[in-house]
Amino acid sequence: YTYDNTAAIDGTAAFANASVSVTCWKPPVVKTANTSYNRVFDYDIVKTADPLEQTIYFTDTATFGYTLQVTKFIKEEYGFAVGGTIVIANPAPIDANLATI
């Protein structure tokens, strides 16, 4: 981009104009991140019968209906890890100074 500047001296009509062309190099950054972890699930299972009881003669048969309610939940998570690479290129014609990433 071009930056225009005017310098003036207070109390006089003296001034000077100048402009400078600035090229700001943006280093391209490419990164990858591969994540992993372990997860253990557990389940709560509730079984109910309908009807709850029946009275029958010992040679008869009876039918019961059953309902299952299953709830899945996370019991434990562990072993969290992230790995990958970060690549920074310098397209500028001068060296870049990096302190930290």
PDB file of N, CA and C in Angstrom:
ATOM      1  N   TYR A   1       0.845  -1.162   0.000  1.00  0.00           N
ATOM      2  CA  TYR A   1       0.000   0.000   0.000  1.00  0.00           C
ATOM      3  C   TYR A   1       0.894   1.230   0.000  1.00  0.00           C
ATOM      4  N   THR A   2       0.313   2.368  -0.305  1.00  0.00           N
ATOM      5  CA  THR A   2       1.055   3.629  -0.320  1.00  0.00           C
ATOM      6  C   THR A   2       0.591   4.485   0.846  1.00  0.00           C
ATOM      7  N   TYR A   3       1.569   5.027   1.579  1.00  0.00           N
ATOM      8  CA  TYR A   3       1.272   5.887   2.716  1.00  0.00           C
ATOM      9  C   TYR A   3       1.717   7.302   2.359  1.00  0.00           C
ATOM     10  N   ASP A   4       0.766   8.239   2.358  1.00  0.00           N
ATOM     11  CA  ASP A   4       1.064   9.642   2.063  1.00  0.00           C
ATOM     12  C   ASP A   4       1.241  10.408   3.361  1.00  0.00           C
ATOM     13  N   ASN A   5       2.209  11.360   3.367  1.00  0.00           N
ATOM     14  CA  ASN A   5       2.495  12.123   4.571  1.00  0.00           C
ATOM     15  C   ASN A   5       2.790  13.569   4.182  1.00  0.00           C
ATOM     16  N   THR A   6       2.320  14.481   5.005  1.00  0.00           N
ATOM     17  CA  THR A   6       2.633  15.896   4.827  1.00  0.00           C
ATOM     18  C   THR A   6       3.225  16.417   6.125  1.00  0.00           C
ATOM     19  N   ALA A   7       4.389  17.053   6.017  1.00  0.00           N
ATOM     20  CA  ALA A   7       5.035  17.667   7.182  1.00  0.00           C
ATOM     21  C   ALA A   7       4.906  19.177   7.041  1.00  0.00           C
ATOM     22  N   ALA A   8       4.507  19.829   8.123  1.00  0.00           N
ATOM     23  CA  ALA A   8       4.356  21.289   8.104  1.00  0.00           C
ATOM     24  C   ALA A   8       5.039  21.880   9.324  1.00  0.00           C
ATOM     25  N   ILE A   9       5.552  23.097   9.167  1.00  0.00           N
ATOM     26  CA  ILE A   9       6.175  23.802  10.282  1.00  0.00           C
ATOM     27  C   ILE A   9       5.162  24.824  10.783  1.00  0.00           C
ATOM     28  N   ASP A  10       4.810  24.708  12.070  1.00  0.00           N
ATOM     29  CA  ASP A  10       3.830  25.629  12.661  1.00  0.00           C
ATOM     30  C   ASP A  10       4.318  27.075  12.548  1.00  0.00           C
ATOM     31  N   GLY A  11       3.399  27.948  12.255  1.00  0.00           N
ATOM     32  CA  GLY A  11       3.696  29.374  12.197  1.00  0.00           C
ATOM     33  C   GLY A  11       4.307  29.808  10.883  1.00  0.00           C
ATOM     34  N   THR A  12       4.478  28.879   9.950  1.00  0.00           N
ATOM     35  CA  THR A  12       5.024  29.232   8.638  1.00  0.00           C
ATOM     36  C   THR A  12       4.164  28.592   7.569  1.00  0.00           C
ATOM     37  N   ALA A  13       4.463  28.932   6.361  1.00  0.00           N
ATOM     38  CA  ALA A  13       3.762  28.315   5.233  1.00  0.00           C
ATOM     39  C   ALA A  13       4.557  27.151   4.662  1.00  0.00           C
ATOM     40  N   ALA A  14       5.642  26.798   5.336  1.00  0.00           N
ATOM     41  CA  ALA A  14       6.513  25.734   4.814  1.00  0.00           C
ATOM     42  C   ALA A  14       5.894  24.356   5.072  1.00  0.00           C
ATOM     43  N   PHE A  15       5.953  23.528   4.060  1.00  0.00           N
ATOM     44  CA  PHE A  15       5.481  22.144   4.197  1.00  0.00           C
ATOM     45  C   PHE A  15       6.182  21.299   3.143  1.00  0.00           C
ATOM     46  N   ALA A  16       6.097  19.993   3.332  1.00  0.00           N
ATOM     47  CA  ALA A  16       6.659  19.057   2.347  1.00  0.00           C
ATOM     48  C   ALA A  16       5.781  17.819   2.311  1.00  0.00           C
ATOM     49  N   ASN A  17       5.579  17.325   1.115  1.00  0.00           N
ATOM     50  CA  ASN A  17       4.806  16.096   0.929  1.00  0.00           C
ATOM     51  C   ASN A  17       5.753  14.950   0.608  1.00  0.00           C
ATOM     52  N   ALA A  18       5.379  13.782   1.076  1.00  0.00           N
ATOM     53  CA  ALA A  18       6.151  12.578   0.755  1.00  0.00           C
ATOM     54  C   ALA A  18       5.200  11.399   0.769  1.00  0.00           C
ATOM     55  N   SER A  19       5.546  10.377   0.036  1.00  0.00           N
ATOM     56  CA  SER A  19       4.771   9.133   0.081  1.00  0.00           C
ATOM     57  C   SER A  19       5.750   7.975   0.046  1.00  0.00           C
ATOM     58  N   VAL A  20       5.322   6.905   0.632  1.00  0.00           N
ATOM     59  CA  VAL A  20       6.162   5.716   0.681  1.00  0.00           C
ATOM     60  C   VAL A  20       5.299   4.519   0.315  1.00  0.00           C
ATOM     61  N   SER A  21       5.873   3.627  -0.428  1.00  0.00           N
ATOM     62  CA  SER A  21       5.180   2.393  -0.789  1.00  0.00           C
ATOM     63  C   SER A  21       5.625   1.307   0.182  1.00  0.00           C
ATOM     64  N   VAL A  22       4.676   0.694   0.845  1.00  0.00           N
ATOM     65  CA  VAL A  22       4.967  -0.318   1.864  1.00  0.00           C
ATOM     66  C   VAL A  22       4.476  -1.671   1.368  1.00  0.00           C
ATOM     67  N   THR A  23       5.368  -2.636   1.398  1.00  0.00           N
ATOM     68  CA  THR A  23       4.985  -4.014   1.084  1.00  0.00           C
ATOM     69  C   THR A  23       5.073  -4.813   2.369  1.00  0.00           C
ATOM     70  N   CYS A  24       3.959  -5.337   2.799  1.00  0.00           N
ATOM     71  CA  CYS A  24       3.896  -6.113   4.040  1.00  0.00           C
ATOM     72  C   CYS A  24       3.720  -7.578   3.667  1.00  0.00           C
ATOM     73  N   TRP A  25       4.733  -8.359   3.940  1.00  0.00           N
ATOM     74  CA  TRP A  25       4.719  -9.770   3.578  1.00  0.00           C
ATOM     75  C   TRP A  25       4.006 -10.569   4.659  1.00  0.00           C
ATOM     76  N   LYS A  26       3.051 -11.336   4.259  1.00  0.00           N
ATOM     77  CA  LYS A  26       2.304 -12.188   5.193  1.00  0.00           C
ATOM     78  C   LYS A  26       2.809 -13.615   5.040  1.00  0.00           C
ATOM     79  N   PRO A  27       3.409 -14.153   6.093  1.00  0.00           N
ATOM     80  CA  PRO A  27       3.910 -15.525   5.977  1.00  0.00           C
ATOM     81  C   PRO A  27       2.762 -16.534   5.955  1.00  0.00           C
ATOM     82  N   PRO A  28       2.734 -17.416   4.960  1.00  0.00           N
ATOM     83  CA  PRO A  28       1.696 -18.450   4.952  1.00  0.00           C
ATOM     84  C   PRO A  28       1.968 -19.486   6.043  1.00  0.00           C
ATOM     85  N   VAL A  29       0.920 -19.888   6.722  1.00  0.00           N
ATOM     86  CA  VAL A  29       1.021 -20.868   7.803  1.00  0.00           C
ATOM     87  C   VAL A  29       0.131 -22.052   7.460  1.00  0.00           C
ATOM     88  N   VAL A  30       0.711 -23.244   7.510  1.00  0.00           N
ATOM     89  CA  VAL A  30      -0.041 -24.477   7.285  1.00  0.00           C
ATOM     90  C   VAL A  30       0.110 -25.325   8.537  1.00  0.00           C
ATOM     91  N   LYS A  31      -1.003 -25.785   9.068  1.00  0.00           N
ATOM     92  CA  LYS A  31      -0.924 -26.599  10.285  1.00  0.00           C
ATOM     93  C   LYS A  31      -1.858 -27.791  10.192  1.00  0.00           C
ATOM     94  N   THR A  32      -1.481 -28.837  10.875  1.00  0.00           N
ATOM     95  CA  THR A  32      -2.336 -30.015  11.010  1.00  0.00           C
ATOM     96  C   THR A  32      -2.465 -30.325  12.495  1.00  0.00           C
ATOM     97  N   ALA A  33      -3.563 -30.886  12.856  1.00  0.00           N
ATOM     98  CA  ALA A  33      -3.766 -31.316  14.238  1.00  0.00           C
ATOM     99  C   ALA A  33      -4.506 -32.648  14.203  1.00  0.00           C
ATOM    100  N   ASN A  34      -3.885 -33.653  14.755  1.00  0.00           N
ATOM    101  CA  ASN A  34      -4.500 -34.975  14.854  1.00  0.00           C
ATOM    102  C   ASN A  34      -4.776 -35.242  16.326  1.00  0.00           C
ATOM    103  N   THR A  35      -6.043 -35.408  16.649  1.00  0.00           N
ATOM    104  CA  THR A  35      -6.430 -35.606  18.044  1.00  0.00           C
ATOM    105  C   THR A  35      -6.777 -37.061  18.303  1.00  0.00           C
ATOM    106  N   SER A  36      -6.635 -37.452  19.555  1.00  0.00           N
ATOM    107  CA  SER A  36      -7.052 -38.797  19.955  1.00  0.00           C
ATOM    108  C   SER A  36      -7.380 -38.794  21.445  1.00  0.00           C
ATOM    109  N   TYR A  37      -8.227 -39.739  21.829  1.00  0.00           N
ATOM    110  CA  TYR A  37      -8.548 -39.943  23.233  1.00  0.00           C
ATOM    111  C   TYR A  37      -9.288 -41.268  23.360  1.00  0.00           C
ATOM    112  N   ASN A  38      -9.414 -41.728  24.582  1.00  0.00           N
ATOM    113  CA  ASN A  38     -10.149 -42.960  24.876  1.00  0.00           C
ATOM    114  C   ASN A  38     -11.411 -42.600  25.647  1.00  0.00           C
ATOM    115  N   ARG A  39     -12.491 -43.294  25.323  1.00  0.00           N
ATOM    116  CA  ARG A  39     -13.768 -43.049  25.989  1.00  0.00           C
ATOM    117  C   ARG A  39     -14.378 -44.389  26.374  1.00  0.00           C
ATOM    118  N   VAL A  40     -14.781 -44.497  27.634  1.00  0.00           N
ATOM    119  CA  VAL A  40     -15.428 -45.702  28.152  1.00  0.00           C
ATOM    120  C   VAL A  40     -16.890 -45.362  28.435  1.00  0.00           C
ATOM    121  N   PHE A  41     -17.791 -46.188  27.916  1.00  0.00           N
ATOM    122  CA  PHE A  41     -19.221 -45.987  28.138  1.00  0.00           C
ATOM    123  C   PHE A  41     -19.728 -46.978  29.181  1.00  0.00           C
ATOM    124  N   ASP A  42     -20.791 -46.606  29.841  1.00  0.00           N
ATOM    125  CA  ASP A  42     -21.496 -47.506  30.743  1.00  0.00           C
ATOM    126  C   ASP A  42     -22.985 -47.348  30.448  1.00  0.00           C
ATOM    127  N   TYR A  43     -23.770 -48.278  30.942  1.00  0.00           N
ATOM    128  CA  TYR A  43     -25.197 -48.296  30.642  1.00  0.00           C
ATOM    129  C   TYR A  43     -25.989 -48.550  31.909  1.00  0.00           C
ATOM    130  N   ASP A  44     -27.099 -47.847  32.050  1.00  0.00           N
ATOM    131  CA  ASP A  44     -28.099 -48.145  33.073  1.00  0.00           C
ATOM    132  C   ASP A  44     -29.245 -48.844  32.352  1.00  0.00           C
ATOM    133  N   ILE A  45     -29.616 -50.022  32.842  1.00  0.00           N
ATOM    134  CA  ILE A  45     -30.694 -50.794  32.222  1.00  0.00           C
ATOM    135  C   ILE A  45     -31.773 -51.048  33.268  1.00  0.00           C
ATOM    136  N   VAL A  46     -32.999 -50.646  32.939  1.00  0.00           N
ATOM    137  CA  VAL A  46     -34.140 -50.864  33.827  1.00  0.00           C
ATOM    138  C   VAL A  46     -35.146 -51.715  33.067  1.00  0.00           C
ATOM    139  N   LYS A  47     -35.546 -52.854  33.670  1.00  0.00           N
ATOM    140  CA  LYS A  47     -36.511 -53.767  33.049  1.00  0.00           C
ATOM    141  C   LYS A  47     -37.766 -53.786  33.913  1.00  0.00           C
ATOM    142  N   THR A  48     -38.909 -53.552  33.274  1.00  0.00           N
ATOM    143  CA  THR A  48     -40.179 -53.616  33.997  1.00  0.00           C
ATOM    144  C   THR A  48     -41.110 -54.589  33.284  1.00  0.00           C
ATOM    145  N   ALA A  49     -41.959 -55.255  34.078  1.00  0.00           N
ATOM    146  CA  ALA A  49     -42.921 -56.226  33.535  1.00  0.00           C
ATOM    147  C   ALA A  49     -44.327 -55.654  33.639  1.00  0.00           C
ATOM    148  N   ASP A  50     -45.158 -56.062  32.680  1.00  0.00           N
ATOM    149  CA  ASP A  50     -46.550 -55.632  32.695  1.00  0.00           C
ATOM    150  C   ASP A  50     -47.417 -56.829  32.318  1.00  0.00           C
ATOM    151  N   PRO A  51     -48.202 -57.329  33.190  1.00  0.00           N
ATOM    152  CA  PRO A  51     -48.449 -56.904  34.562  1.00  0.00           C
ATOM    153  C   PRO A  51     -47.292 -57.321  35.470  1.00  0.00           C
ATOM    154  N   LEU A  52     -47.287 -56.767  36.677  1.00  0.00           N
ATOM    155  CA  LEU A  52     -46.219 -57.094  37.618  1.00  0.00           C
ATOM    156  C   LEU A  52     -46.362 -58.511  38.166  1.00  0.00           C
ATOM    157  N   GLU A  53     -47.589 -58.995  38.261  1.00  0.00           N
ATOM    158  CA  GLU A  53     -47.798 -60.375  38.737  1.00  0.00           C
ATOM    159  C   GLU A  53     -49.121 -60.903  38.197  1.00  0.00           C
ATOM    160  N   GLN A  54     -49.218 -62.244  38.143  1.00  0.00           N
ATOM    161  CA  GLN A  54     -50.449 -62.921  37.728  1.00  0.00           C
ATOM    162  C   GLN A  54     -50.609 -64.173  38.584  1.00  0.00           C
ATOM    163  N   THR A  55     -51.854 -64.519  38.841  1.00  0.00           N
ATOM    164  CA  THR A  55     -52.144 -65.759  39.557  1.00  0.00           C
ATOM    165  C   THR A  55     -52.786 -66.721  38.570  1.00  0.00           C
ATOM    166  N   ILE A  56     -52.162 -67.901  38.414  1.00  0.00           N
ATOM    167  CA  ILE A  56     -52.682 -68.893  37.463  1.00  0.00           C
ATOM    168  C   ILE A  56     -52.591 -70.274  38.091  1.00  0.00           C
ATOM    169  N   TYR A  57     -53.317 -71.210  37.495  1.00  0.00           N
ATOM    170  CA  TYR A  57     -53.226 -72.609  37.893  1.00  0.00           C
ATOM    171  C   TYR A  57     -51.924 -73.157  37.328  1.00  0.00           C
ATOM    172  N   PHE A  58     -51.315 -74.148  37.984  1.00  0.00           N
ATOM    173  CA  PHE A  58     -49.979 -74.603  37.608  1.00  0.00           C
ATOM    174  C   PHE A  58     -49.906 -75.187  36.197  1.00  0.00           C
ATOM    175  N   THR A  59     -50.990 -75.581  35.594  1.00  0.00           N
ATOM    176  CA  THR A  59     -50.946 -76.103  34.223  1.00  0.00           C
ATOM    177  C   THR A  59     -51.264 -75.030  33.187  1.00  0.00           C
ATOM    178  N   ASP A  60     -51.645 -73.849  33.637  1.00  0.00           N
ATOM    179  CA  ASP A  60     -51.952 -72.755  32.711  1.00  0.00           C
ATOM    180  C   ASP A  60     -50.668 -72.011  32.311  1.00  0.00           C
ATOM    181  N   THR A  61     -50.810 -71.165  31.342  1.00  0.00           N
ATOM    182  CA  THR A  61     -49.701 -70.290  30.930  1.00  0.00           C
ATOM    183  C   THR A  61     -50.143 -68.842  31.090  1.00  0.00           C
ATOM    184  N   ALA A  62     -49.177 -67.969  31.194  1.00  0.00           N
ATOM    185  CA  ALA A  62     -49.465 -66.535  31.317  1.00  0.00           C
ATOM    186  C   ALA A  62     -48.458 -65.767  30.468  1.00  0.00           C
ATOM    187  N   THR A  63     -48.880 -64.640  30.008  1.00  0.00           N
ATOM    188  CA  THR A  63     -48.015 -63.797  29.182  1.00  0.00           C
ATOM    189  C   THR A  63     -47.711 -62.502  29.925  1.00  0.00           C
ATOM    190  N   PHE A  64     -46.450 -62.156  29.933  1.00  0.00           N
ATOM    191  CA  PHE A  64     -45.995 -60.893  30.508  1.00  0.00           C
ATOM    192  C   PHE A  64     -45.351 -60.060  29.401  1.00  0.00           C
ATOM    193  N   GLY A  65     -45.587 -58.792  29.434  1.00  0.00           N
ATOM    194  CA  GLY A  65     -44.876 -57.873  28.536  1.00  0.00           C
ATOM    195  C   GLY A  65     -43.731 -57.223  29.298  1.00  0.00           C
ATOM    196  N   TYR A  66     -42.636 -57.008  28.624  1.00  0.00           N
ATOM    197  CA  TYR A  66     -41.475 -56.396  29.258  1.00  0.00           C
ATOM    198  C   TYR A  66     -41.091 -55.118  28.527  1.00  0.00           C
ATOM    199  N   THR A  67     -40.649 -54.165  29.302  1.00  0.00           N
ATOM    200  CA  THR A  67     -40.127 -52.915  28.753  1.00  0.00           C
ATOM    201  C   THR A  67     -38.712 -52.729  29.272  1.00  0.00           C
ATOM    202  N   LEU A  68     -37.803 -52.422  28.356  1.00  0.00           N
ATOM    203  CA  LEU A  68     -36.424 -52.131  28.735  1.00  0.00           C
ATOM    204  C   LEU A  68     -36.146 -50.656  28.479  1.00  0.00           C
ATOM    205  N   GLN A  69     -35.558 -50.014  29.462  1.00  0.00           N
ATOM    206  CA  GLN A  69     -35.109 -48.635  29.296  1.00  0.00           C
ATOM    207  C   GLN A  69     -33.598 -48.640  29.468  1.00  0.00           C
ATOM    208  N   VAL A  70     -32.885 -48.274  28.413  1.00  0.00           N
ATOM    209  CA  VAL A  70     -31.424 -48.288  28.431  1.00  0.00           C
ATOM    210  C   VAL A  70     -30.916 -46.859  28.283  1.00  0.00           C
ATOM    211  N   THR A  71     -30.057 -46.456  29.209  1.00  0.00           N
ATOM    212  CA  THR A  71     -29.441 -45.134  29.162  1.00  0.00           C
ATOM    213  C   THR A  71     -27.932 -45.307  29.057  1.00  0.00           C
ATOM    214  N   LYS A  72     -27.364 -44.743  27.986  1.00  0.00           N
ATOM    215  CA  LYS A  72     -25.918 -44.814  27.762  1.00  0.00           C
ATOM    216  C   LYS A  72     -25.284 -43.524  28.283  1.00  0.00           C
ATOM    217  N   PHE A  73     -24.167 -43.654  28.999  1.00  0.00           N
ATOM    218  CA  PHE A  73     -23.475 -42.460  29.468  1.00  0.00           C
ATOM    219  C   PHE A  73     -21.971 -42.680  29.440  1.00  0.00           C
ATOM    220  N   ILE A  74     -21.263 -41.570  29.385  1.00  0.00           N
ATOM    221  CA  ILE A  74     -19.800 -41.622  29.371  1.00  0.00           C
ATOM    222  C   ILE A  74     -19.320 -41.839  30.798  1.00  0.00           C
ATOM    223  N   LYS A  75     -18.593 -42.917  30.994  1.00  0.00           N
ATOM    224  CA  LYS A  75     -18.075 -43.239  32.316  1.00  0.00           C
ATOM    225  C   LYS A  75     -16.715 -42.589  32.548  1.00  0.00           C
ATOM    226  N   GLU A  76     -15.885 -42.577  31.504  1.00  0.00           N
ATOM    227  CA  GLU A  76     -14.523 -42.082  31.684  1.00  0.00           C
ATOM    228  C   GLU A  76     -13.945 -41.658  30.334  1.00  0.00           C
ATOM    229  N   GLU A  77     -13.155 -40.601  30.342  1.00  0.00           N
ATOM    230  CA  GLU A  77     -12.389 -40.180  29.169  1.00  0.00           C
ATOM    231  C   GLU A  77     -10.951 -39.942  29.625  1.00  0.00           C
ATOM    232  N   TYR A  78     -10.002 -40.413  28.841  1.00  0.00           N
ATOM    233  CA  TYR A  78      -8.600 -40.271  29.227  1.00  0.00           C
ATOM    234  C   TYR A  78      -7.704 -40.395  27.990  1.00  0.00           C
ATOM    235  N   GLY A  79      -6.447 -40.143  28.189  1.00  0.00           N
ATOM    236  CA  GLY A  79      -5.474 -40.296  27.111  1.00  0.00           C
ATOM    237  C   GLY A  79      -5.595 -39.238  26.031  1.00  0.00           C
ATOM    238  N   PHE A  80      -5.942 -38.017  26.417  1.00  0.00           N
ATOM    239  CA  PHE A  80      -6.088 -36.947  25.432  1.00  0.00           C
ATOM    240  C   PHE A  80      -4.724 -36.592  24.843  1.00  0.00           C
ATOM    241  N   ALA A  81      -4.663 -36.472  23.524  1.00  0.00           N
ATOM    242  CA  ALA A  81      -3.408 -36.122  22.857  1.00  0.00           C
ATOM    243  C   ALA A  81      -3.695 -35.343  21.579  1.00  0.00           C
ATOM    244  N   VAL A  82      -2.768 -34.461  21.244  1.00  0.00           N
ATOM    245  CA  VAL A  82      -2.810 -33.715  19.987  1.00  0.00           C
ATOM    246  C   VAL A  82      -1.410 -33.752  19.404  1.00  0.00           C
ATOM    247  N   GLY A  83      -1.323 -34.082  18.136  1.00  0.00           N
ATOM    248  CA  GLY A  83      -0.035 -34.090  17.452  1.00  0.00           C
ATOM    249  C   GLY A  83      -0.201 -33.497  16.073  1.00  0.00           C
ATOM    250  N   GLY A  84       0.872 -33.013  15.531  1.00  0.00           N
ATOM    251  CA  GLY A  84       0.801 -32.449  14.192  1.00  0.00           C
ATOM    252  C   GLY A  84       2.010 -31.599  13.896  1.00  0.00           C
ATOM    253  N   THR A  85       1.914 -30.831  12.833  1.00  0.00           N
ATOM    254  CA  THR A  85       3.018 -29.973  12.423  1.00  0.00           C
ATOM    255  C   THR A  85       2.506 -28.570  12.124  1.00  0.00           C
ATOM    256  N   ILE A  86       3.414 -27.618  12.268  1.00  0.00           N
ATOM    257  CA  ILE A  86       3.156 -26.240  11.869  1.00  0.00           C
ATOM    258  C   ILE A  86       4.290 -25.845  10.927  1.00  0.00           C
ATOM    259  N   VAL A  87       3.936 -25.396   9.730  1.00  0.00           N
ATOM    260  CA  VAL A  87       4.930 -24.960   8.751  1.00  0.00           C
ATOM    261  C   VAL A  87       4.671 -23.487   8.447  1.00  0.00           C
ATOM    262  N   ILE A  88       5.701 -22.668   8.657  1.00  0.00           N
ATOM    263  CA  ILE A  88       5.612 -21.241   8.373  1.00  0.00           C
ATOM    264  C   ILE A  88       6.652 -20.922   7.307  1.00  0.00           C
ATOM    265  N   ALA A  89       6.212 -20.336   6.212  1.00  0.00           N
ATOM    266  CA  ALA A  89       7.128 -19.944   5.140  1.00  0.00           C
ATOM    267  C   ALA A  89       7.351 -18.438   5.195  1.00  0.00           C
ATOM    268  N   ASN A  90       8.479 -18.012   4.682  1.00  0.00           N
ATOM    269  CA  ASN A  90       8.794 -16.587   4.648  1.00  0.00           C
ATOM    270  C   ASN A  90       8.918 -16.142   3.196  1.00  0.00           C
ATOM    271  N   PRO A  91       7.880 -15.483   2.649  1.00  0.00           N
ATOM    272  CA  PRO A  91       7.950 -15.028   1.262  1.00  0.00           C
ATOM    273  C   PRO A  91       8.720 -13.714   1.100  1.00  0.00           C
ATOM    274  N   ALA A  92       9.101 -13.088   2.214  1.00  0.00           N
ATOM    275  CA  ALA A  92       9.772 -11.789   2.156  1.00  0.00           C
ATOM    276  C   ALA A  92      11.229 -11.952   1.730  1.00  0.00           C
ATOM    277  N   PRO A  93      11.808 -10.926   1.133  1.00  0.00           N
ATOM    278  CA  PRO A  93      13.213 -10.992   0.732  1.00  0.00           C
ATOM    279  C   PRO A  93      14.181 -10.778   1.893  1.00  0.00           C
ATOM    280  N   ILE A  94      13.664 -10.639   3.121  1.00  0.00           N
ATOM    281  CA  ILE A  94      14.522 -10.484   4.299  1.00  0.00           C
ATOM    282  C   ILE A  94      14.189 -11.582   5.288  1.00  0.00           C
ATOM    283  N   ASP A  95      15.127 -11.848   6.204  1.00  0.00           N
ATOM    284  CA  ASP A  95      14.907 -12.871   7.221  1.00  0.00           C
ATOM    285  C   ASP A  95      13.799 -12.444   8.177  1.00  0.00           C
ATOM    286  N   ALA A  96      13.036 -13.419   8.628  1.00  0.00           N
ATOM    287  CA  ALA A  96      11.994 -13.179   9.626  1.00  0.00           C
ATOM    288  C   ALA A  96      12.506 -13.643  10.976  1.00  0.00           C
ATOM    289  N   ASN A  97      12.191 -12.893  12.015  1.00  0.00           N
ATOM    290  CA  ASN A  97      12.578 -13.261  13.372  1.00  0.00           C
ATOM    291  C   ASN A  97      11.344 -13.768  14.099  1.00  0.00           C
ATOM    292  N   LEU A  98      11.397 -15.019  14.539  1.00  0.00           N
ATOM    293  CA  LEU A  98      10.291 -15.607  15.293  1.00  0.00           C
ATOM    294  C   LEU A  98      10.735 -15.802  16.726  1.00  0.00           C
ATOM    295  N   ALA A  99       9.951 -15.302  17.656  1.00  0.00           N
ATOM    296  CA  ALA A  99      10.261 -15.486  19.065  1.00  0.00           C
ATOM    297  C   ALA A  99       9.673 -16.798  19.561  1.00  0.00           C
ATOM    298  N   THR A 100       8.355 -16.967  19.399  1.00  0.00           N
ATOM    299  CA  THR A 100       7.682 -18.186  19.844  1.00  0.00           C
ATOM    300  C   THR A 100       6.499 -18.454  18.941  1.00  0.00           C
ATOM    301  N   ILE A 101       6.026 -19.680  19.032  1.00  0.00           N
ATOM    302  CA  ILE A 101       4.799 -20.072  18.332  1.00  0.00           C
ATOM    303  C   ILE A 101       3.875 -20.661  19.369  1.00  0.00           C
TER     304      ILE A 101
END
